[in-house]
N, C-alpha and C. Protein backbone atom coordinates (compact mmCIF):
# COMPACT_ATOMS: atom_id res chain seq x y z
N MET A 1 -13.12 -93.84 62.17
CA MET A 1 -13.20 -93.12 60.92
C MET A 1 -13.81 -91.74 61.17
N ALA A 2 -13.31 -90.74 60.49
CA ALA A 2 -13.78 -89.38 60.65
C ALA A 2 -15.18 -89.22 60.06
N ALA A 3 -15.93 -88.30 60.63
CA ALA A 3 -17.29 -88.03 60.14
C ALA A 3 -17.22 -87.46 58.72
N ASP A 4 -18.21 -87.78 57.91
CA ASP A 4 -18.27 -87.24 56.56
C ASP A 4 -18.68 -85.77 56.64
N ARG A 5 -17.82 -84.92 56.17
CA ARG A 5 -18.08 -83.49 56.23
C ARG A 5 -18.33 -82.91 54.84
N THR A 6 -18.75 -83.77 53.93
CA THR A 6 -18.97 -83.31 52.55
C THR A 6 -19.98 -82.17 52.51
N ASP A 7 -21.07 -82.28 53.26
CA ASP A 7 -22.06 -81.19 53.25
C ASP A 7 -21.45 -79.88 53.72
N GLU A 8 -20.59 -79.95 54.71
CA GLU A 8 -19.92 -78.73 55.19
C GLU A 8 -19.01 -78.15 54.11
N VAL A 9 -18.31 -79.03 53.39
CA VAL A 9 -17.44 -78.57 52.30
C VAL A 9 -18.29 -77.89 51.22
N LEU A 10 -19.44 -78.49 50.90
CA LEU A 10 -20.29 -77.91 49.87
C LEU A 10 -20.91 -76.59 50.34
N ASP A 11 -21.24 -76.49 51.62
CA ASP A 11 -21.75 -75.22 52.15
C ASP A 11 -20.67 -74.14 52.06
N ALA A 12 -19.45 -74.50 52.39
CA ALA A 12 -18.34 -73.55 52.29
C ALA A 12 -18.10 -73.17 50.83
N THR A 13 -18.21 -74.14 49.96
CA THR A 13 -18.05 -73.87 48.52
C THR A 13 -19.11 -72.88 48.06
N ARG A 14 -20.36 -73.09 48.49
CA ARG A 14 -21.46 -72.18 48.11
C ARG A 14 -21.16 -70.76 48.57
N ARG A 15 -20.70 -70.61 49.79
CA ARG A 15 -20.39 -69.26 50.29
C ARG A 15 -19.27 -68.62 49.50
N CYS A 16 -18.24 -69.39 49.19
CA CYS A 16 -17.12 -68.85 48.40
C CYS A 16 -17.57 -68.49 46.98
N LEU A 17 -18.35 -69.35 46.37
CA LEU A 17 -18.82 -69.08 45.01
C LEU A 17 -19.71 -67.84 44.98
N ALA A 18 -20.52 -67.67 46.00
CA ALA A 18 -21.40 -66.49 46.06
C ALA A 18 -20.57 -65.21 46.11
N ARG A 19 -19.43 -65.28 46.79
CA ARG A 19 -18.56 -64.09 46.92
C ARG A 19 -17.66 -63.88 45.71
N TYR A 20 -17.02 -64.96 45.26
CA TYR A 20 -15.94 -64.82 44.28
C TYR A 20 -16.26 -65.37 42.89
N GLY A 21 -17.24 -66.25 42.77
CA GLY A 21 -17.49 -66.91 41.51
C GLY A 21 -16.59 -68.12 41.34
N VAL A 22 -16.88 -68.92 40.34
CA VAL A 22 -16.13 -70.16 40.13
C VAL A 22 -14.68 -69.87 39.79
N ARG A 23 -14.45 -68.96 38.87
CA ARG A 23 -13.08 -68.72 38.40
C ARG A 23 -12.16 -68.26 39.52
N ARG A 24 -12.63 -67.39 40.40
CA ARG A 24 -11.76 -66.82 41.43
C ARG A 24 -11.71 -67.64 42.71
N THR A 25 -12.65 -68.54 42.92
CA THR A 25 -12.62 -69.37 44.12
C THR A 25 -11.51 -70.41 44.00
N THR A 26 -10.79 -70.60 45.08
CA THR A 26 -9.73 -71.60 45.10
C THR A 26 -10.02 -72.62 46.20
N MET A 27 -9.31 -73.73 46.14
CA MET A 27 -9.43 -74.72 47.21
C MET A 27 -8.96 -74.12 48.53
N ASP A 28 -7.99 -73.23 48.49
CA ASP A 28 -7.56 -72.54 49.71
C ASP A 28 -8.70 -71.72 50.31
N ASP A 29 -9.49 -71.07 49.44
CA ASP A 29 -10.64 -70.29 49.93
C ASP A 29 -11.64 -71.20 50.63
N ILE A 30 -11.93 -72.33 50.02
CA ILE A 30 -12.89 -73.28 50.60
C ILE A 30 -12.37 -73.80 51.93
N ALA A 31 -11.09 -74.15 51.98
CA ALA A 31 -10.49 -74.65 53.22
C ALA A 31 -10.53 -73.58 54.31
N ARG A 32 -10.17 -72.37 53.94
CA ARG A 32 -10.17 -71.26 54.91
C ARG A 32 -11.60 -71.02 55.42
N GLU A 33 -12.58 -71.10 54.54
CA GLU A 33 -13.98 -70.90 54.93
C GLU A 33 -14.42 -71.96 55.94
N MET A 34 -13.86 -73.14 55.81
CA MET A 34 -14.21 -74.25 56.73
C MET A 34 -13.34 -74.25 57.98
N GLY A 35 -12.23 -73.53 57.95
CA GLY A 35 -11.31 -73.56 59.08
C GLY A 35 -10.52 -74.85 59.14
N MET A 36 -10.20 -75.40 57.98
CA MET A 36 -9.42 -76.64 57.93
C MET A 36 -8.37 -76.50 56.83
N SER A 37 -7.48 -77.46 56.77
CA SER A 37 -6.42 -77.42 55.76
C SER A 37 -6.96 -77.82 54.40
N ARG A 38 -6.26 -77.37 53.36
CA ARG A 38 -6.66 -77.73 52.00
C ARG A 38 -6.59 -79.24 51.82
N SER A 39 -5.58 -79.89 52.37
CA SER A 39 -5.48 -81.34 52.22
C SER A 39 -6.65 -82.06 52.89
N ALA A 40 -7.18 -81.48 53.97
CA ALA A 40 -8.36 -82.08 54.62
C ALA A 40 -9.59 -81.96 53.72
N VAL A 41 -9.71 -80.86 53.01
CA VAL A 41 -10.85 -80.67 52.09
C VAL A 41 -10.79 -81.71 50.98
N TYR A 42 -9.58 -82.04 50.54
CA TYR A 42 -9.43 -83.03 49.46
C TYR A 42 -9.90 -84.42 49.88
N GLN A 43 -10.15 -84.64 51.13
CA GLN A 43 -10.72 -85.92 51.55
C GLN A 43 -12.18 -86.06 51.11
N TYR A 44 -12.81 -84.93 50.82
CA TYR A 44 -14.24 -84.91 50.51
C TYR A 44 -14.57 -84.56 49.06
N VAL A 45 -13.69 -83.82 48.41
CA VAL A 45 -13.86 -83.47 46.99
C VAL A 45 -12.52 -83.62 46.29
N ARG A 46 -12.57 -83.98 45.01
CA ARG A 46 -11.33 -84.19 44.25
C ARG A 46 -10.61 -82.88 43.95
N ASN A 47 -11.40 -81.84 43.65
CA ASN A 47 -10.84 -80.54 43.30
C ASN A 47 -11.98 -79.52 43.31
N LYS A 48 -11.68 -78.30 42.94
CA LYS A 48 -12.69 -77.25 42.96
C LYS A 48 -13.84 -77.58 42.00
N GLU A 49 -13.52 -78.08 40.83
CA GLU A 49 -14.56 -78.41 39.86
C GLU A 49 -15.51 -79.48 40.41
N ASP A 50 -14.95 -80.46 41.10
CA ASP A 50 -15.77 -81.50 41.72
C ASP A 50 -16.67 -80.89 42.80
N ALA A 51 -16.13 -79.97 43.58
CA ALA A 51 -16.94 -79.31 44.62
C ALA A 51 -18.09 -78.53 43.98
N VAL A 52 -17.82 -77.83 42.89
CA VAL A 52 -18.84 -77.05 42.19
C VAL A 52 -19.93 -77.98 41.65
N ARG A 53 -19.52 -79.05 41.01
CA ARG A 53 -20.50 -80.00 40.44
C ARG A 53 -21.33 -80.66 41.55
N GLN A 54 -20.67 -81.06 42.63
CA GLN A 54 -21.43 -81.67 43.73
C GLN A 54 -22.43 -80.69 44.34
N LEU A 55 -22.01 -79.44 44.48
CA LEU A 55 -22.91 -78.42 45.02
C LEU A 55 -24.10 -78.20 44.08
N SER A 56 -23.82 -78.07 42.80
CA SER A 56 -24.90 -77.89 41.83
C SER A 56 -25.85 -79.09 41.86
N ALA A 57 -25.29 -80.28 41.90
CA ALA A 57 -26.13 -81.49 41.95
C ALA A 57 -26.98 -81.50 43.20
N ARG A 58 -26.39 -81.12 44.34
CA ARG A 58 -27.16 -81.10 45.59
C ARG A 58 -28.33 -80.12 45.50
N LEU A 59 -28.07 -78.91 45.02
CA LEU A 59 -29.13 -77.91 44.90
C LEU A 59 -30.24 -78.39 43.97
N HIS A 60 -29.86 -78.94 42.84
CA HIS A 60 -30.85 -79.42 41.88
C HIS A 60 -31.60 -80.65 42.41
N ASN A 61 -30.91 -81.53 43.11
CA ASN A 61 -31.58 -82.71 43.67
C ASN A 61 -32.59 -82.33 44.74
N GLN A 62 -32.25 -81.34 45.56
CA GLN A 62 -33.19 -80.88 46.58
C GLN A 62 -34.45 -80.32 45.93
N ALA A 63 -34.26 -79.52 44.89
CA ALA A 63 -35.41 -78.95 44.18
C ALA A 63 -36.20 -80.05 43.48
N LEU A 64 -35.51 -81.03 42.93
CA LEU A 64 -36.19 -82.13 42.25
C LEU A 64 -37.05 -82.93 43.22
N GLN A 65 -36.56 -83.14 44.43
CA GLN A 65 -37.35 -83.87 45.42
C GLN A 65 -38.64 -83.12 45.76
N ARG A 66 -38.54 -81.78 45.87
CA ARG A 66 -39.74 -80.98 46.13
C ARG A 66 -40.73 -81.09 44.96
N ALA A 67 -40.20 -81.09 43.75
CA ALA A 67 -41.06 -81.21 42.57
C ALA A 67 -41.75 -82.57 42.53
N LYS A 68 -41.02 -83.62 42.89
CA LYS A 68 -41.60 -84.97 42.88
C LYS A 68 -42.73 -85.08 43.89
N VAL A 69 -42.57 -84.48 45.05
CA VAL A 69 -43.63 -84.49 46.06
C VAL A 69 -44.87 -83.79 45.51
N ALA A 70 -44.66 -82.65 44.85
CA ALA A 70 -45.79 -81.91 44.29
C ALA A 70 -46.47 -82.70 43.18
N ALA A 71 -45.69 -83.34 42.34
CA ALA A 71 -46.25 -84.09 41.21
C ALA A 71 -47.06 -85.29 41.67
N ALA A 72 -46.66 -85.89 42.78
CA ALA A 72 -47.30 -87.11 43.25
C ALA A 72 -48.56 -86.84 44.07
N GLY A 73 -48.82 -85.60 44.38
CA GLY A 73 -49.97 -85.28 45.23
C GLY A 73 -51.29 -85.62 44.57
N HIS A 74 -52.29 -85.79 45.40
CA HIS A 74 -53.64 -86.05 44.92
C HIS A 74 -54.44 -84.76 45.00
N THR A 75 -53.94 -83.77 44.32
CA THR A 75 -54.56 -82.44 44.32
C THR A 75 -54.89 -82.08 42.88
N PRO A 76 -55.66 -81.01 42.69
CA PRO A 76 -55.97 -80.59 41.32
C PRO A 76 -54.70 -80.33 40.50
N VAL A 77 -54.84 -80.43 39.21
CA VAL A 77 -53.72 -80.28 38.28
C VAL A 77 -52.97 -78.97 38.52
N ALA A 78 -53.69 -77.88 38.68
CA ALA A 78 -53.03 -76.58 38.86
C ALA A 78 -52.14 -76.58 40.09
N HIS A 79 -52.56 -77.25 41.15
CA HIS A 79 -51.73 -77.33 42.36
C HIS A 79 -50.44 -78.08 42.08
N ARG A 80 -50.55 -79.19 41.36
CA ARG A 80 -49.35 -79.98 41.07
C ARG A 80 -48.42 -79.24 40.12
N VAL A 81 -48.98 -78.61 39.10
CA VAL A 81 -48.14 -77.84 38.16
C VAL A 81 -47.45 -76.71 38.91
N TYR A 82 -48.20 -76.01 39.74
CA TYR A 82 -47.62 -74.93 40.54
C TYR A 82 -46.49 -75.46 41.43
N GLY A 83 -46.71 -76.59 42.08
CA GLY A 83 -45.68 -77.16 42.95
C GLY A 83 -44.41 -77.54 42.20
N ILE A 84 -44.58 -78.11 41.02
CA ILE A 84 -43.41 -78.49 40.21
C ILE A 84 -42.65 -77.23 39.79
N LEU A 85 -43.38 -76.25 39.28
CA LEU A 85 -42.74 -75.01 38.84
C LEU A 85 -42.13 -74.25 40.01
N SER A 86 -42.77 -74.32 41.17
CA SER A 86 -42.23 -73.64 42.35
C SER A 86 -40.87 -74.18 42.75
N ALA A 87 -40.65 -75.48 42.52
CA ALA A 87 -39.34 -76.06 42.85
C ALA A 87 -38.25 -75.40 42.02
N LYS A 88 -38.53 -75.17 40.75
CA LYS A 88 -37.55 -74.48 39.89
C LYS A 88 -37.44 -73.01 40.28
N LEU A 89 -38.56 -72.41 40.59
CA LEU A 89 -38.56 -71.01 41.01
C LEU A 89 -37.74 -70.83 42.28
N ASP A 90 -37.95 -71.70 43.26
CA ASP A 90 -37.20 -71.60 44.52
C ASP A 90 -35.70 -71.74 44.28
N LEU A 91 -35.33 -72.61 43.37
CA LEU A 91 -33.93 -72.78 43.04
C LEU A 91 -33.38 -71.51 42.40
N ALA A 92 -34.14 -70.93 41.49
CA ALA A 92 -33.69 -69.75 40.77
C ALA A 92 -33.69 -68.48 41.61
N THR A 93 -34.53 -68.44 42.64
CA THR A 93 -34.64 -67.21 43.44
C THR A 93 -34.21 -67.42 44.89
N GLY A 94 -33.62 -68.57 45.18
CA GLY A 94 -33.19 -68.89 46.54
C GLY A 94 -32.04 -68.03 47.01
N PRO A 95 -31.50 -68.34 48.17
CA PRO A 95 -30.47 -67.51 48.78
C PRO A 95 -29.24 -67.32 47.90
N PHE A 96 -28.84 -68.33 47.16
CA PHE A 96 -27.65 -68.20 46.32
C PHE A 96 -27.92 -67.31 45.11
N ALA A 97 -29.18 -67.21 44.71
CA ALA A 97 -29.54 -66.47 43.51
C ALA A 97 -29.22 -64.99 43.61
N ASP A 98 -29.09 -64.47 44.83
CA ASP A 98 -28.75 -63.05 44.99
C ASP A 98 -27.32 -62.75 44.57
N SER A 99 -26.51 -63.77 44.47
CA SER A 99 -25.13 -63.59 44.06
C SER A 99 -25.05 -63.35 42.55
N PRO A 100 -24.14 -62.47 42.13
CA PRO A 100 -23.96 -62.29 40.69
C PRO A 100 -23.37 -63.54 40.02
N HIS A 101 -22.96 -64.50 40.81
CA HIS A 101 -22.34 -65.71 40.29
C HIS A 101 -23.29 -66.91 40.26
N ALA A 102 -24.56 -66.70 40.56
CA ALA A 102 -25.51 -67.82 40.63
C ALA A 102 -25.60 -68.59 39.33
N ALA A 103 -25.49 -67.91 38.21
CA ALA A 103 -25.61 -68.59 36.92
C ALA A 103 -24.56 -69.67 36.74
N GLU A 104 -23.44 -69.54 37.42
CA GLU A 104 -22.39 -70.54 37.29
C GLU A 104 -22.81 -71.90 37.84
N LEU A 105 -23.84 -71.92 38.66
CA LEU A 105 -24.38 -73.18 39.19
C LEU A 105 -25.75 -73.51 38.64
N LEU A 106 -26.51 -72.50 38.23
CA LEU A 106 -27.92 -72.69 37.94
C LEU A 106 -28.31 -72.52 36.48
N ASP A 107 -27.37 -72.21 35.63
CA ASP A 107 -27.68 -71.94 34.22
C ASP A 107 -27.31 -73.15 33.36
N GLU A 108 -28.17 -73.46 32.42
CA GLU A 108 -27.93 -74.61 31.55
C GLU A 108 -26.72 -74.42 30.64
N GLN A 109 -26.23 -73.20 30.53
CA GLN A 109 -25.06 -72.93 29.71
C GLN A 109 -23.76 -72.91 30.52
N ALA A 110 -23.87 -73.11 31.82
CA ALA A 110 -22.68 -73.08 32.69
C ALA A 110 -21.71 -74.19 32.30
N ARG A 111 -20.45 -73.87 32.29
CA ARG A 111 -19.42 -74.81 31.85
C ARG A 111 -19.36 -76.04 32.73
N LEU A 112 -19.35 -75.86 34.04
CA LEU A 112 -19.17 -77.00 34.94
C LEU A 112 -20.45 -77.74 35.30
N SER A 113 -21.56 -77.04 35.28
CA SER A 113 -22.79 -77.68 35.77
C SER A 113 -23.97 -77.59 34.81
N GLY A 114 -23.73 -77.17 33.60
CA GLY A 114 -24.82 -77.04 32.64
C GLY A 114 -25.57 -78.34 32.40
N ASP A 115 -24.84 -79.46 32.37
CA ASP A 115 -25.50 -80.74 32.15
C ASP A 115 -26.43 -81.10 33.31
N ILE A 116 -26.04 -80.74 34.52
CA ILE A 116 -26.88 -80.99 35.70
C ILE A 116 -28.16 -80.17 35.58
N CYS A 117 -28.02 -78.91 35.17
CA CYS A 117 -29.18 -78.03 35.00
C CYS A 117 -30.11 -78.55 33.90
N ARG A 118 -29.53 -78.97 32.79
CA ARG A 118 -30.34 -79.49 31.68
C ARG A 118 -31.08 -80.76 32.09
N ASP A 119 -30.41 -81.65 32.81
CA ASP A 119 -31.05 -82.88 33.28
C ASP A 119 -32.21 -82.55 34.22
N PHE A 120 -32.00 -81.58 35.10
CA PHE A 120 -33.05 -81.14 36.02
C PHE A 120 -34.26 -80.64 35.25
N THR A 121 -34.03 -79.78 34.28
CA THR A 121 -35.13 -79.24 33.49
C THR A 121 -35.85 -80.35 32.73
N ALA A 122 -35.10 -81.30 32.20
CA ALA A 122 -35.72 -82.43 31.49
C ALA A 122 -36.60 -83.24 32.43
N GLU A 123 -36.16 -83.44 33.65
CA GLU A 123 -36.98 -84.19 34.61
C GLU A 123 -38.24 -83.42 34.98
N LEU A 124 -38.12 -82.10 35.15
CA LEU A 124 -39.32 -81.30 35.42
C LEU A 124 -40.29 -81.37 34.24
N LEU A 125 -39.75 -81.29 33.04
CA LEU A 125 -40.59 -81.37 31.85
C LEU A 125 -41.33 -82.71 31.80
N ALA A 126 -40.64 -83.78 32.12
CA ALA A 126 -41.27 -85.11 32.14
C ALA A 126 -42.37 -85.17 33.21
N MET A 127 -42.11 -84.60 34.38
CA MET A 127 -43.13 -84.59 35.44
C MET A 127 -44.36 -83.80 35.01
N LEU A 128 -44.13 -82.63 34.45
CA LEU A 128 -45.25 -81.81 33.99
C LEU A 128 -46.03 -82.53 32.90
N THR A 129 -45.31 -83.16 31.98
CA THR A 129 -45.97 -83.91 30.91
C THR A 129 -46.84 -85.01 31.49
N ASP A 130 -46.33 -85.73 32.48
CA ASP A 130 -47.11 -86.79 33.13
C ASP A 130 -48.36 -86.24 33.80
N VAL A 131 -48.22 -85.10 34.46
CA VAL A 131 -49.39 -84.50 35.12
C VAL A 131 -50.43 -84.12 34.07
N PHE A 132 -50.01 -83.49 32.98
CA PHE A 132 -50.96 -83.10 31.94
C PHE A 132 -51.54 -84.31 31.21
N ALA A 133 -50.78 -85.39 31.14
CA ALA A 133 -51.27 -86.60 30.47
C ALA A 133 -52.45 -87.21 31.23
N GLU A 134 -52.59 -86.89 32.50
CA GLU A 134 -53.71 -87.39 33.30
C GLU A 134 -54.99 -86.60 33.04
N THR A 135 -54.89 -85.54 32.25
CA THR A 135 -56.04 -84.67 31.99
C THR A 135 -56.50 -84.85 30.55
N ASP A 136 -57.42 -83.98 30.14
CA ASP A 136 -57.88 -84.01 28.77
C ASP A 136 -57.15 -82.99 27.90
N VAL A 137 -55.97 -82.53 28.34
CA VAL A 137 -55.14 -81.63 27.53
C VAL A 137 -54.68 -82.41 26.30
N PRO A 138 -54.91 -81.87 25.09
CA PRO A 138 -54.61 -82.64 23.88
C PRO A 138 -53.13 -82.98 23.66
N ARG A 139 -52.22 -82.08 24.00
CA ARG A 139 -50.79 -82.34 23.79
C ARG A 139 -50.04 -82.05 25.09
N PRO A 140 -49.95 -83.03 25.97
CA PRO A 140 -49.35 -82.83 27.29
C PRO A 140 -47.91 -82.32 27.25
N GLY A 141 -47.12 -82.80 26.31
CA GLY A 141 -45.72 -82.35 26.20
C GLY A 141 -45.63 -80.88 25.87
N ASP A 142 -46.49 -80.43 24.96
CA ASP A 142 -46.51 -79.00 24.62
C ASP A 142 -46.98 -78.17 25.81
N ALA A 143 -47.98 -78.66 26.52
CA ALA A 143 -48.47 -77.95 27.70
C ALA A 143 -47.35 -77.81 28.73
N ALA A 144 -46.58 -78.87 28.92
CA ALA A 144 -45.47 -78.83 29.87
C ALA A 144 -44.43 -77.80 29.45
N GLU A 145 -44.10 -77.78 28.16
CA GLU A 145 -43.11 -76.81 27.67
C GLU A 145 -43.61 -75.38 27.81
N ILE A 146 -44.89 -75.17 27.57
CA ILE A 146 -45.48 -73.84 27.72
C ILE A 146 -45.34 -73.37 29.17
N CYS A 147 -45.64 -74.26 30.11
CA CYS A 147 -45.56 -73.88 31.53
C CYS A 147 -44.12 -73.57 31.94
N LEU A 148 -43.17 -74.36 31.49
CA LEU A 148 -41.77 -74.07 31.82
C LEU A 148 -41.32 -72.75 31.20
N ALA A 149 -41.71 -72.51 29.95
CA ALA A 149 -41.35 -71.25 29.29
C ALA A 149 -41.97 -70.06 30.03
N MET A 150 -43.20 -70.24 30.48
CA MET A 150 -43.88 -69.19 31.23
C MET A 150 -43.09 -68.86 32.51
N LEU A 151 -42.64 -69.91 33.21
CA LEU A 151 -41.88 -69.68 34.43
C LEU A 151 -40.57 -68.96 34.13
N VAL A 152 -39.87 -69.38 33.11
CA VAL A 152 -38.61 -68.73 32.75
C VAL A 152 -38.85 -67.26 32.44
N GLY A 153 -39.96 -66.97 31.75
CA GLY A 153 -40.30 -65.58 31.46
C GLY A 153 -40.57 -64.78 32.73
N LEU A 154 -41.29 -65.37 33.67
CA LEU A 154 -41.57 -64.68 34.93
C LEU A 154 -40.29 -64.42 35.71
N ILE A 155 -39.40 -65.40 35.73
CA ILE A 155 -38.12 -65.22 36.42
C ILE A 155 -37.32 -64.12 35.74
N GLY A 156 -37.30 -64.13 34.42
CA GLY A 156 -36.52 -63.14 33.66
C GLY A 156 -37.02 -61.72 33.82
N THR A 157 -38.31 -61.56 34.07
CA THR A 157 -38.87 -60.22 34.24
C THR A 157 -39.03 -59.85 35.70
N ASP A 158 -38.58 -60.75 36.58
CA ASP A 158 -38.67 -60.52 38.03
C ASP A 158 -40.11 -60.32 38.49
N ARG A 159 -41.03 -61.05 37.86
CA ARG A 159 -42.46 -60.97 38.22
C ARG A 159 -42.94 -62.32 38.74
N THR A 160 -42.15 -62.94 39.56
CA THR A 160 -42.44 -64.30 40.02
C THR A 160 -43.69 -64.38 40.89
N GLU A 161 -44.14 -63.26 41.43
CA GLU A 161 -45.37 -63.28 42.23
C GLU A 161 -46.58 -63.61 41.36
N LEU A 162 -46.41 -63.56 40.06
CA LEU A 162 -47.50 -63.87 39.14
C LEU A 162 -47.60 -65.36 38.81
N LEU A 163 -46.75 -66.18 39.41
CA LEU A 163 -46.74 -67.60 39.06
C LEU A 163 -48.10 -68.26 39.31
N ARG A 164 -48.66 -68.05 40.46
CA ARG A 164 -49.94 -68.71 40.78
C ARG A 164 -51.04 -68.34 39.78
N PRO A 165 -51.32 -67.06 39.54
CA PRO A 165 -52.36 -66.75 38.56
C PRO A 165 -51.98 -67.18 37.14
N ALA A 166 -50.70 -67.16 36.83
CA ALA A 166 -50.27 -67.60 35.50
C ALA A 166 -50.52 -69.10 35.32
N VAL A 167 -50.26 -69.88 36.37
CA VAL A 167 -50.53 -71.33 36.30
C VAL A 167 -52.03 -71.56 36.16
N GLU A 168 -52.83 -70.85 36.94
CA GLU A 168 -54.29 -71.01 36.83
C GLU A 168 -54.75 -70.73 35.41
N ALA A 169 -54.28 -69.63 34.83
CA ALA A 169 -54.68 -69.26 33.48
C ALA A 169 -54.17 -70.26 32.46
N ALA A 170 -52.93 -70.69 32.61
CA ALA A 170 -52.35 -71.62 31.64
C ALA A 170 -53.05 -72.97 31.67
N VAL A 171 -53.24 -73.50 32.86
CA VAL A 171 -53.86 -74.83 32.98
C VAL A 171 -55.28 -74.78 32.43
N SER A 172 -56.01 -73.75 32.77
CA SER A 172 -57.37 -73.60 32.27
C SER A 172 -57.36 -73.39 30.76
N GLY A 173 -56.49 -72.53 30.28
CA GLY A 173 -56.42 -72.22 28.84
C GLY A 173 -55.93 -73.38 28.00
N LEU A 174 -55.17 -74.28 28.59
CA LEU A 174 -54.68 -75.43 27.85
C LEU A 174 -55.75 -76.51 27.69
N GLY A 175 -56.86 -76.32 28.35
CA GLY A 175 -57.97 -77.24 28.16
C GLY A 175 -58.10 -78.33 29.20
N ALA A 176 -57.43 -78.17 30.33
CA ALA A 176 -57.59 -79.16 31.40
C ALA A 176 -58.98 -79.01 32.00
N SER A 177 -59.46 -80.05 32.63
CA SER A 177 -60.80 -80.02 33.21
C SER A 177 -60.94 -78.92 34.25
N THR A 178 -62.15 -78.59 34.61
CA THR A 178 -62.44 -77.43 35.45
C THR A 178 -62.06 -77.59 36.91
N ASP A 179 -61.59 -78.75 37.34
CA ASP A 179 -61.22 -78.90 38.76
C ASP A 179 -59.79 -78.43 39.03
N VAL A 180 -59.29 -77.53 38.20
CA VAL A 180 -57.90 -77.12 38.30
C VAL A 180 -57.67 -75.89 39.16
N ALA A 181 -58.69 -75.14 39.46
CA ALA A 181 -58.49 -73.87 40.16
C ALA A 181 -57.98 -74.08 41.58
N PHE A 182 -57.22 -73.12 42.03
CA PHE A 182 -56.74 -73.15 43.42
C PHE A 182 -57.90 -72.82 44.32
N THR A 183 -57.92 -73.46 45.47
CA THR A 183 -59.01 -73.21 46.41
C THR A 183 -58.62 -72.18 47.44
N THR A 184 -57.33 -71.94 47.59
CA THR A 184 -56.87 -70.93 48.54
C THR A 184 -55.79 -70.08 47.87
N ARG A 185 -55.49 -68.97 48.46
CA ARG A 185 -54.45 -68.11 47.94
C ARG A 185 -53.11 -68.39 48.63
N GLY A 186 -53.06 -69.28 49.61
CA GLY A 186 -51.81 -69.62 50.29
C GLY A 186 -50.97 -70.52 49.43
N SER A 187 -49.72 -70.72 49.83
CA SER A 187 -48.82 -71.55 49.04
C SER A 187 -49.28 -72.95 49.04
């Protein structure tokens, strides 16, 4: 049996989408990017839409795994909140984000992958809520939504370097206990 080359197909899809966007990318483009026939690519994905959805799911799942690791840590609340938010930040500002077509994979309004993005955000919200529920923050769900909104604002204004001090201020201002401050300035 031939080796599973799905990851290679998705990598080729990512490169094509970064260049051409979803609408202009074809299965021929993906096949050409891989150096294989279009029929060979169909062994791994049903069609272009399936390739786009699988790629979006892979990117979001990778970020979700990083967020879960951060949420499960035995570190101060601010560290865990920062780690969870950083997973979304890395997704939004990663290598694909430089493409004008990144929103087609990473935006909750995207036609093919919006549901994947919304599910990802809902899982991050649940993780943040759980982290805040371990503290004396009066409304953990609201605190989680505030932190996500703060991150979206930082991404939108291209001021992502402010995430760490913003998390420190937010966690402290939301009423979490005083053991929330970062002990180092490193990631």
